């Protein structure tokens, strides 16, 4: 999988913010927690926040995760992107 992660710009392990957007009709926070815990079992759920759009149609979830290596980072992004509830990730 090649998603443009330039390893020379990263120093692992590191803290990384995953920003995930989706429709508010889905339990997006729970989806994000489930995906991240599958790849980072020690993820602290208190390090997640949710914000609704002004219209209330969309929600964004930010998760602060301790990432051990590039493979773990890519695996989390890939798993999030595969979920139907996820509109996009940053």
PDB file of N, CA and C in Angstrom:
ATOM      1  N   UNK A   1       0.859  -1.173   0.000  1.00  0.00           N
ATOM      2  CA  UNK A   1       0.000   0.000   0.000  1.00  0.00           C
ATOM      3  C   UNK A   1       0.898   1.227   0.000  1.00  0.00           C
ATOM      4  N   UNK A   2       0.671   2.119  -0.929  1.00  0.00           N
ATOM      5  CA  UNK A   2       1.444   3.355  -0.985  1.00  0.00           C
ATOM      6  C   UNK A   2       0.492   4.532  -0.857  1.00  0.00           C
ATOM      7  N   UNK A   3       0.582   5.238   0.264  1.00  0.00           N
ATOM      8  CA  UNK A   3      -0.328   6.357   0.481  1.00  0.00           C
ATOM      9  C   UNK A   3       0.408   7.674   0.623  1.00  0.00           C
ATOM     10  N   UNK A   4       1.670   7.711   0.211  1.00  0.00           N
ATOM     11  CA  UNK A   4       2.399   8.959   0.217  1.00  0.00           C
ATOM     12  C   UNK A   4       3.034   9.332   1.539  1.00  0.00           C
ATOM     13  N   UNK A   5       3.151   8.423   2.486  1.00  0.00           N
ATOM     14  CA  UNK A   5       3.806   8.731   3.753  1.00  0.00           C
ATOM     15  C   UNK A   5       5.311   8.726   3.507  1.00  0.00           C
ATOM     16  N   UNK A   6       5.927   9.878   3.674  1.00  0.00           N
ATOM     17  CA  UNK A   6       7.363  10.027   3.490  1.00  0.00           C
ATOM     18  C   UNK A   6       8.049   9.759   4.825  1.00  0.00           C
ATOM     19  N   UNK A   7       8.726   8.631   4.914  1.00  0.00           N
ATOM     20  CA  UNK A   7       9.332   8.223   6.188  1.00  0.00           C
ATOM     21  C   UNK A   7      10.377   9.204   6.692  1.00  0.00           C
ATOM     22  N   UNK A   8      11.005   9.954   5.798  1.00  0.00           N
ATOM     23  CA  UNK A   8      12.031  10.894   6.244  1.00  0.00           C
ATOM     24  C   UNK A   8      11.439  12.057   7.034  1.00  0.00           C
ATOM     25  N   UNK A   9      10.132  12.260   6.932  1.00  0.00           N
ATOM     26  CA  UNK A   9       9.463  13.339   7.665  1.00  0.00           C
ATOM     27  C   UNK A   9       8.926  12.882   9.015  1.00  0.00           C
ATOM     28  N   UNK A  10       9.024  11.603   9.295  1.00  0.00           N
ATOM     29  CA  UNK A  10       8.458  11.032  10.515  1.00  0.00           C
ATOM     30  C   UNK A  10       9.553  10.490  11.411  1.00  0.00           C
ATOM     31  N   UNK A  11       9.309  10.547  12.694  1.00  0.00           N
ATOM     32  CA  UNK A  11      10.190   9.909  13.661  1.00  0.00           C
ATOM     33  C   UNK A  11       9.307   9.063  14.569  1.00  0.00           C
ATOM     34  N   UNK A  12       9.440   7.755  14.436  1.00  0.00           N
ATOM     35  CA  UNK A  12       8.623   6.833  15.216  1.00  0.00           C
ATOM     36  C   UNK A  12       9.410   6.326  16.405  1.00  0.00           C
ATOM     37  N   UNK A  13       8.730   6.017  17.499  1.00  0.00           N
ATOM     38  CA  UNK A  13       7.302   6.221  17.765  1.00  0.00           C
ATOM     39  C   UNK A  13       6.983   7.711  17.920  1.00  0.00           C
ATOM     40  N   UNK A  14       5.689   8.034  17.724  1.00  0.00           N
ATOM     41  CA  UNK A  14       5.258   9.422  17.822  1.00  0.00           C
ATOM     42  C   UNK A  14       3.778   9.496  18.187  1.00  0.00           C
ATOM     43  N   UNK A  15       3.349  10.693  18.535  1.00  0.00           N
ATOM     44  CA  UNK A  15       1.930  10.961  18.750  1.00  0.00           C
ATOM     45  C   UNK A  15       1.363  11.449  17.425  1.00  0.00           C
ATOM     46  N   UNK A  16       0.202  10.935  17.042  1.00  0.00           N
ATOM     47  CA  UNK A  16      -0.410  11.338  15.771  1.00  0.00           C
ATOM     48  C   UNK A  16      -1.887  11.618  15.991  1.00  0.00           C
ATOM     49  N   UNK A  17      -2.386  12.660  15.336  1.00  0.00           N
ATOM     50  CA  UNK A  17      -3.810  12.989  15.387  1.00  0.00           C
ATOM     51  C   UNK A  17      -4.486  12.442  14.141  1.00  0.00           C
ATOM     52  N   UNK A  18      -5.435  11.559  14.338  1.00  0.00           N
ATOM     53  CA  UNK A  18      -6.265  11.066  13.246  1.00  0.00           C
ATOM     54  C   UNK A  18      -7.536  11.899  13.251  1.00  0.00           C
ATOM     55  N   UNK A  19      -7.859  12.524  12.125  1.00  0.00           N
ATOM     56  CA  UNK A  19      -9.090  13.299  11.992  1.00  0.00           C
ATOM     57  C   UNK A  19      -9.989  12.508  11.047  1.00  0.00           C
ATOM     58  N   UNK A  20     -11.192  12.188  11.512  1.00  0.00           N
ATOM     59  CA  UNK A  20     -12.115  11.342  10.758  1.00  0.00           C
ATOM     60  C   UNK A  20     -13.442  12.070  10.628  1.00  0.00           C
ATOM     61  N   UNK A  21     -13.984  12.146   9.417  1.00  0.00           N
ATOM     62  CA  UNK A  21     -15.260  12.807   9.182  1.00  0.00           C
ATOM     63  C   UNK A  21     -16.297  11.828   8.641  1.00  0.00           C
ATOM     64  N   UNK A  22     -17.549  12.095   9.004  1.00  0.00           N
ATOM     65  CA  UNK A  22     -18.643  11.268   8.519  1.00  0.00           C
ATOM     66  C   UNK A  22     -19.978  11.915   8.816  1.00  0.00           C
ATOM     67  N   UNK A  23     -21.041  11.275   8.375  1.00  0.00           N
ATOM     68  CA  UNK A  23     -22.390  11.767   8.646  1.00  0.00           C
ATOM     69  C   UNK A  23     -22.724  11.556  10.116  1.00  0.00           C
ATOM     70  N   UNK A  24     -23.471  12.482  10.671  1.00  0.00           N
ATOM     71  CA  UNK A  24     -23.792  12.412  12.102  1.00  0.00           C
ATOM     72  C   UNK A  24     -24.770  11.288  12.437  1.00  0.00           C
ATOM     73  N   UNK A  25     -25.392  10.689  11.432  1.00  0.00           N
ATOM     74  CA  UNK A  25     -26.341   9.599  11.688  1.00  0.00           C
ATOM     75  C   UNK A  25     -25.636   8.328  12.170  1.00  0.00           C
ATOM     76  N   UNK A  26     -24.309   8.271  11.997  1.00  0.00           N
ATOM     77  CA  UNK A  26     -23.550   7.095  12.414  1.00  0.00           C
ATOM     78  C   UNK A  26     -22.858   7.344  13.758  1.00  0.00           C
ATOM     79  N   UNK A  27     -22.635   6.290  14.531  1.00  0.00           N
ATOM     80  CA  UNK A  27     -21.885   6.429  15.797  1.00  0.00           C
ATOM     81  C   UNK A  27     -20.380   6.475  15.500  1.00  0.00           C
ATOM     82  N   UNK A  28     -19.939   7.569  14.890  1.00  0.00           N
ATOM     83  CA  UNK A  28     -18.579   7.649  14.369  1.00  0.00           C
ATOM     84  C   UNK A  28     -17.510   7.506  15.447  1.00  0.00           C
ATOM     85  N   UNK A  29     -17.741   8.080  16.604  1.00  0.00           N
ATOM     86  CA  UNK A  29     -16.748   7.965  17.675  1.00  0.00           C
ATOM     87  C   UNK A  29     -16.516   6.501  18.039  1.00  0.00           C
ATOM     88  N   UNK A  30     -17.584   5.732  18.152  1.00  0.00           N
ATOM     89  CA  UNK A  30     -17.452   4.315  18.487  1.00  0.00           C
ATOM     90  C   UNK A  30     -16.718   3.555  17.385  1.00  0.00           C
ATOM     91  N   UNK A  31     -16.993   3.909  16.129  1.00  0.00           N
ATOM     92  CA  UNK A  31     -16.321   3.269  14.997  1.00  0.00           C
ATOM     93  C   UNK A  31     -14.821   3.545  15.056  1.00  0.00           C
ATOM     94  N   UNK A  32     -14.459   4.806  15.294  1.00  0.00           N
ATOM     95  CA  UNK A  32     -13.047   5.189  15.357  1.00  0.00           C
ATOM     96  C   UNK A  32     -12.346   4.456  16.503  1.00  0.00           C
ATOM     97  N   UNK A  33     -12.974   4.409  17.659  1.00  0.00           N
ATOM     98  CA  UNK A  33     -12.389   3.701  18.804  1.00  0.00           C
ATOM     99  C   UNK A  33     -12.178   2.224  18.464  1.00  0.00           C
ATOM    100  N   UNK A  34     -13.179   1.595  17.874  1.00  0.00           N
ATOM    101  CA  UNK A  34     -13.081   0.177  17.513  1.00  0.00           C
ATOM    102  C   UNK A  34     -11.910  -0.078  16.567  1.00  0.00           C
ATOM    103  N   UNK A  35     -11.790   0.747  15.537  1.00  0.00           N
ATOM    104  CA  UNK A  35     -10.724   0.566  14.548  1.00  0.00           C
ATOM    105  C   UNK A  35      -9.352   0.795  15.177  1.00  0.00           C
ATOM    106  N   UNK A  36      -9.217   1.885  15.922  1.00  0.00           N
ATOM    107  CA  UNK A  36      -7.914   2.192  16.515  1.00  0.00           C
ATOM    108  C   UNK A  36      -7.505   1.125  17.525  1.00  0.00           C
ATOM    109  N   UNK A  37      -8.434   0.687  18.361  1.00  0.00           N
ATOM    110  CA  UNK A  37      -8.098  -0.336  19.369  1.00  0.00           C
ATOM    111  C   UNK A  37      -7.705  -1.667  18.720  1.00  0.00           C
ATOM    112  N   UNK A  38      -8.213  -1.934  17.528  1.00  0.00           N
ATOM    113  CA  UNK A  38      -7.826  -3.156  16.823  1.00  0.00           C
ATOM    114  C   UNK A  38      -6.345  -3.126  16.431  1.00  0.00           C
ATOM    115  N   UNK A  39      -5.802  -1.923  16.238  1.00  0.00           N
ATOM    116  CA  UNK A  39      -4.409  -1.773  15.811  1.00  0.00           C
ATOM    117  C   UNK A  39      -3.502  -1.205  16.897  1.00  0.00           C
ATOM    118  N   UNK A  40      -4.106  -0.582  17.901  1.00  0.00           N
ATOM    119  CA  UNK A  40      -3.355  -0.010  19.030  1.00  0.00           C
ATOM    120  C   UNK A  40      -4.142  -0.299  20.303  1.00  0.00           C
ATOM    121  N   UNK A  41      -4.053  -1.527  20.818  1.00  0.00           N
ATOM    122  CA  UNK A  41      -4.875  -1.948  21.956  1.00  0.00           C
ATOM    123  C   UNK A  41      -4.746  -1.075  23.200  1.00  0.00           C
ATOM    124  N   UNK A  42      -3.633  -0.377  23.340  1.00  0.00           N
ATOM    125  CA  UNK A  42      -3.435   0.469  24.515  1.00  0.00           C
ATOM    126  C   UNK A  42      -3.960   1.891  24.319  1.00  0.00           C
ATOM    127  N   UNK A  43      -4.726   2.129  23.254  1.00  0.00           N
ATOM    128  CA  UNK A  43      -5.282   3.459  22.982  1.00  0.00           C
ATOM    129  C   UNK A  43      -6.152   3.926  24.144  1.00  0.00           C
ATOM    130  N   UNK A  44      -5.917   5.147  24.590  1.00  0.00           N
ATOM    131  CA  UNK A  44      -6.653   5.760  25.694  1.00  0.00           C
ATOM    132  C   UNK A  44      -7.867   6.501  25.131  1.00  0.00           C
ATOM    133  N   UNK A  45      -9.060   5.978  25.367  1.00  0.00           N
ATOM    134  CA  UNK A  45     -10.292   6.550  24.821  1.00  0.00           C
ATOM    135  C   UNK A  45     -10.556   7.979  25.280  1.00  0.00           C
ATOM    136  N   UNK A  46      -9.916   8.418  26.339  1.00  0.00           N
ATOM    137  CA  UNK A  46     -10.102   9.802  26.787  1.00  0.00           C
ATOM    138  C   UNK A  46      -9.381  10.782  25.863  1.00  0.00           C
ATOM    139  N   UNK A  47      -8.580  10.257  24.929  1.00  0.00           N
ATOM    140  CA  UNK A  47      -7.831  11.112  24.008  1.00  0.00           C
ATOM    141  C   UNK A  47      -8.544  11.243  22.664  1.00  0.00           C
ATOM    142  N   UNK A  48      -9.868  11.265  22.721  1.00  0.00           N
ATOM    143  CA  UNK A  48     -10.680  11.400  21.515  1.00  0.00           C
ATOM    144  C   UNK A  48     -11.692  12.516  21.732  1.00  0.00           C
ATOM    145  N   UNK A  49     -11.954  13.282  20.684  1.00  0.00           N
ATOM    146  CA  UNK A  49     -12.952  14.350  20.782  1.00  0.00           C
ATOM    147  C   UNK A  49     -13.820  14.337  19.531  1.00  0.00           C
ATOM    148  N   UNK A  50     -15.015  14.884  19.680  1.00  0.00           N
ATOM    149  CA  UNK A  50     -15.994  14.902  18.591  1.00  0.00           C
ATOM    150  C   UNK A  50     -16.562  16.302  18.457  1.00  0.00           C
ATOM    151  N   UNK A  51     -16.769  16.721  17.210  1.00  0.00           N
ATOM    152  CA  UNK A  51     -17.356  18.032  16.954  1.00  0.00           C
ATOM    153  C   UNK A  51     -18.351  17.911  15.808  1.00  0.00           C
ATOM    154  N   UNK A  52     -19.539  18.493  15.992  1.00  0.00           N
ATOM    155  CA  UNK A  52     -20.566  18.486  14.951  1.00  0.00           C
ATOM    156  C   UNK A  52     -20.423  19.711  14.061  1.00  0.00           C
ATOM    157  N   UNK A  53     -20.825  19.559  12.802  1.00  0.00           N
ATOM    158  CA  UNK A  53     -20.825  20.697  11.884  1.00  0.00           C
ATOM    159  C   UNK A  53     -21.924  21.666  12.290  1.00  0.00           C
ATOM    160  N   UNK A  54     -21.875  22.880  11.771  1.00  0.00           N
ATOM    161  CA  UNK A  54     -22.877  23.887  12.136  1.00  0.00           C
ATOM    162  C   UNK A  54     -24.283  23.458  11.730  1.00  0.00           C
ATOM    163  N   UNK A  55     -24.404  22.682  10.657  1.00  0.00           N
ATOM    164  CA  UNK A  55     -25.715  22.206  10.216  1.00  0.00           C
ATOM    165  C   UNK A  55     -26.160  20.959  10.976  1.00  0.00           C
ATOM    166  N   UNK A  56     -25.202  20.299  11.637  1.00  0.00           N
ATOM    167  CA  UNK A  56     -25.517  19.071  12.357  1.00  0.00           C
ATOM    168  C   UNK A  56     -25.526  17.833  11.482  1.00  0.00           C
ATOM    169  N   UNK A  57     -25.256  18.010  10.182  1.00  0.00           N
ATOM    170  CA  UNK A  57     -25.283  16.882   9.258  1.00  0.00           C
ATOM    171  C   UNK A  57     -24.025  16.013   9.364  1.00  0.00           C
ATOM    172  N   UNK A  58     -22.897  16.641   9.683  1.00  0.00           N
ATOM    173  CA  UNK A  58     -21.619  15.935   9.727  1.00  0.00           C
ATOM    174  C   UNK A  58     -21.017  15.996  11.124  1.00  0.00           C
ATOM    175  N   UNK A  59     -20.096  15.088  11.366  1.00  0.00           N
ATOM    176  CA  UNK A  59     -19.358  15.077  12.628  1.00  0.00           C
ATOM    177  C   UNK A  59     -17.892  14.786  12.300  1.00  0.00           C
ATOM    178  N   UNK A  60     -17.008  15.403  13.072  1.00  0.00           N
ATOM    179  CA  UNK A  60     -15.587  15.081  12.937  1.00  0.00           C
ATOM    180  C   UNK A  60     -15.089  14.549  14.274  1.00  0.00           C
ATOM    181  N   UNK A  61     -14.259  13.548  14.189  1.00  0.00           N
ATOM    182  CA  UNK A  61     -13.690  12.914  15.374  1.00  0.00           C
ATOM    183  C   UNK A  61     -12.174  13.032  15.265  1.00  0.00           C
ATOM    184  N   UNK A  62     -11.557  13.497  16.329  1.00  0.00           N
ATOM    185  CA  UNK A  62     -10.101  13.582  16.386  1.00  0.00           C
ATOM    186  C   UNK A  62      -9.609  12.637  17.470  1.00  0.00           C
ATOM    187  N   UNK A  63      -8.689  11.764  17.088  1.00  0.00           N
ATOM    188  CA  UNK A  63      -8.115  10.809  18.037  1.00  0.00           C
ATOM    189  C   UNK A  63      -6.613  11.030  18.110  1.00  0.00           C
ATOM    190  N   UNK A  64      -6.105  11.205  19.314  1.00  0.00           N
ATOM    191  CA  UNK A  64      -4.674  11.379  19.560  1.00  0.00           C
ATOM    192  C   UNK A  64      -4.114  10.007  19.935  1.00  0.00           C
ATOM    193  N   UNK A  65      -3.261   9.464  19.069  1.00  0.00           N
ATOM    194  CA  UNK A  65      -2.813   8.078  19.212  1.00  0.00           C
ATOM    195  C   UNK A  65      -1.282   8.002  19.245  1.00  0.00           C
ATOM    196  N   UNK A  66      -0.762   7.196  20.148  1.00  0.00           N
ATOM    197  CA  UNK A  66       0.673   6.895  20.166  1.00  0.00           C
ATOM    198  C   UNK A  66       0.915   5.818  19.112  1.00  0.00           C
ATOM    199  N   UNK A  67       1.637   6.184  18.043  1.00  0.00           N
ATOM    200  CA  UNK A  67       1.886   5.284  16.918  1.00  0.00           C
ATOM    201  C   UNK A  67       3.325   4.779  17.002  1.00  0.00           C
ATOM    202  N   UNK A  68       3.474   3.462  16.906  1.00  0.00           N
ATOM    203  CA  UNK A  68       4.799   2.848  17.083  1.00  0.00           C
ATOM    204  C   UNK A  68       5.653   2.865  15.824  1.00  0.00           C
ATOM    205  N   UNK A  69       5.001   2.705  14.648  1.00  0.00           N
ATOM    206  CA  UNK A  69       5.772   2.659  13.405  1.00  0.00           C
ATOM    207  C   UNK A  69       4.873   2.981  12.218  1.00  0.00           C
ATOM    208  N   UNK A  70       5.500   3.087  11.048  1.00  0.00           N
ATOM    209  CA  UNK A  70       4.782   3.436   9.820  1.00  0.00           C
ATOM    210  C   UNK A  70       3.700   2.404   9.498  1.00  0.00           C
ATOM    211  N   UNK A  71       4.002   1.140   9.725  1.00  0.00           N
ATOM    212  CA  UNK A  71       3.040   0.084   9.409  1.00  0.00           C
ATOM    213  C   UNK A  71       1.765   0.237  10.241  1.00  0.00           C
ATOM    214  N   UNK A  72       1.917   0.573  11.509  1.00  0.00           N
ATOM    215  CA  UNK A  72       0.751   0.770  12.367  1.00  0.00           C
ATOM    216  C   UNK A  72      -0.053   1.983  11.908  1.00  0.00           C
ATOM    217  N   UNK A  73       0.625   3.063  11.567  1.00  0.00           N
ATOM    218  CA  UNK A  73      -0.035   4.271  11.075  1.00  0.00           C
ATOM    219  C   UNK A  73      -0.841   3.971   9.817  1.00  0.00           C
ATOM    220  N   UNK A  74      -0.211   3.306   8.858  1.00  0.00           N
ATOM    221  CA  UNK A  74      -0.885   2.966   7.607  1.00  0.00           C
ATOM    222  C   UNK A  74      -2.045   2.006   7.834  1.00  0.00           C
ATOM    223  N   UNK A  75      -1.879   1.047   8.731  1.00  0.00           N
ATOM    224  CA  UNK A  75      -2.941   0.075   9.005  1.00  0.00           C
ATOM    225  C   UNK A  75      -4.181   0.756   9.575  1.00  0.00           C
ATOM    226  N   UNK A  76      -3.982   1.729  10.453  1.00  0.00           N
ATOM    227  CA  UNK A  76      -5.125   2.453  11.029  1.00  0.00           C
ATOM    228  C   UNK A  76      -5.832   3.255   9.949  1.00  0.00           C
ATOM    229  N   UNK A  77      -5.076   4.001   9.136  1.00  0.00           N
ATOM    230  CA  UNK A  77      -5.698   4.771   8.054  1.00  0.00           C
ATOM    231  C   UNK A  77      -6.445   3.856   7.086  1.00  0.00           C
ATOM    232  N   UNK A  78      -5.836   2.744   6.716  1.00  0.00           N
ATOM    233  CA  UNK A  78      -6.460   1.814   5.782  1.00  0.00           C
ATOM    234  C   UNK A  78      -7.764   1.260   6.355  1.00  0.00           C
ATOM    235  N   UNK A  79      -7.743   0.853   7.615  1.00  0.00           N
ATOM    236  CA  UNK A  79      -8.941   0.292   8.250  1.00  0.00           C
ATOM    237  C   UNK A  79     -10.045   1.340   8.376  1.00  0.00           C
ATOM    238  N   UNK A  80      -9.681   2.578   8.696  1.00  0.00           N
ATOM    239  CA  UNK A  80     -10.685   3.649   8.775  1.00  0.00           C
ATOM    240  C   UNK A  80     -11.301   3.908   7.405  1.00  0.00           C
ATOM    241  N   UNK A  81     -10.453   3.970   6.372  1.00  0.00           N
ATOM    242  CA  UNK A  81     -10.944   4.241   5.018  1.00  0.00           C
ATOM    243  C   UNK A  81     -11.880   3.154   4.503  1.00  0.00           C
ATOM    244  N   UNK A  82     -11.734   1.928   4.991  1.00  0.00           N
ATOM    245  CA  UNK A  82     -12.589   0.823   4.554  1.00  0.00           C
ATOM    246  C   UNK A  82     -13.992   0.878   5.162  1.00  0.00           C
ATOM    247  N   UNK A  83     -14.174   1.622   6.230  1.00  0.00           N
ATOM    248  CA  UNK A  83     -15.462   1.661   6.926  1.00  0.00           C
ATOM    249  C   UNK A  83     -16.456   2.539   6.167  1.00  0.00           C
ATOM    250  N   UNK A  84     -17.680   2.032   5.997  1.00  0.00           N
ATOM    251  CA  UNK A  84     -18.732   2.774   5.298  1.00  0.00           C
ATOM    252  C   UNK A  84     -19.124   4.050   6.031  1.00  0.00           C
ATOM    253  N   UNK A  85     -18.989   4.066   7.353  1.00  0.00           N
ATOM    254  CA  UNK A  85     -19.390   5.228   8.143  1.00  0.00           C
ATOM    255  C   UNK A  85     -18.437   6.410   7.976  1.00  0.00           C
ATOM    256  N   UNK A  86     -17.242   6.133   7.470  1.00  0.00           N
ATOM    257  CA  UNK A  86     -16.208   7.163   7.344  1.00  0.00           C
ATOM    258  C   UNK A  86     -16.287   7.814   5.969  1.00  0.00           C
ATOM    259  N   UNK A  87     -16.454   9.141   5.974  1.00  0.00           N
ATOM    260  CA  UNK A  87     -16.493   9.908   4.724  1.00  0.00           C
ATOM    261  C   UNK A  87     -15.077  10.205   4.247  1.00  0.00           C
ATOM    262  N   UNK A  88     -14.218  10.666   5.154  1.00  0.00           N
ATOM    263  CA  UNK A  88     -12.820  10.909   4.814  1.00  0.00           C
ATOM    264  C   UNK A  88     -11.968  10.956   6.073  1.00  0.00           C
ATOM    265  N   UNK A  89     -10.660  10.811   5.871  1.00  0.00           N
ATOM    266  CA  UNK A  89      -9.702  10.880   6.977  1.00  0.00           C
ATOM    267  C   UNK A  89      -8.595  11.857   6.612  1.00  0.00           C
ATOM    268  N   UNK A  90      -8.048  12.471   7.632  1.00  0.00           N
ATOM    269  CA  UNK A  90      -6.892  13.365   7.448  1.00  0.00           C
ATOM    270  C   UNK A  90      -5.807  12.927   8.400  1.00  0.00           C
TER     271      UNK A  90
END
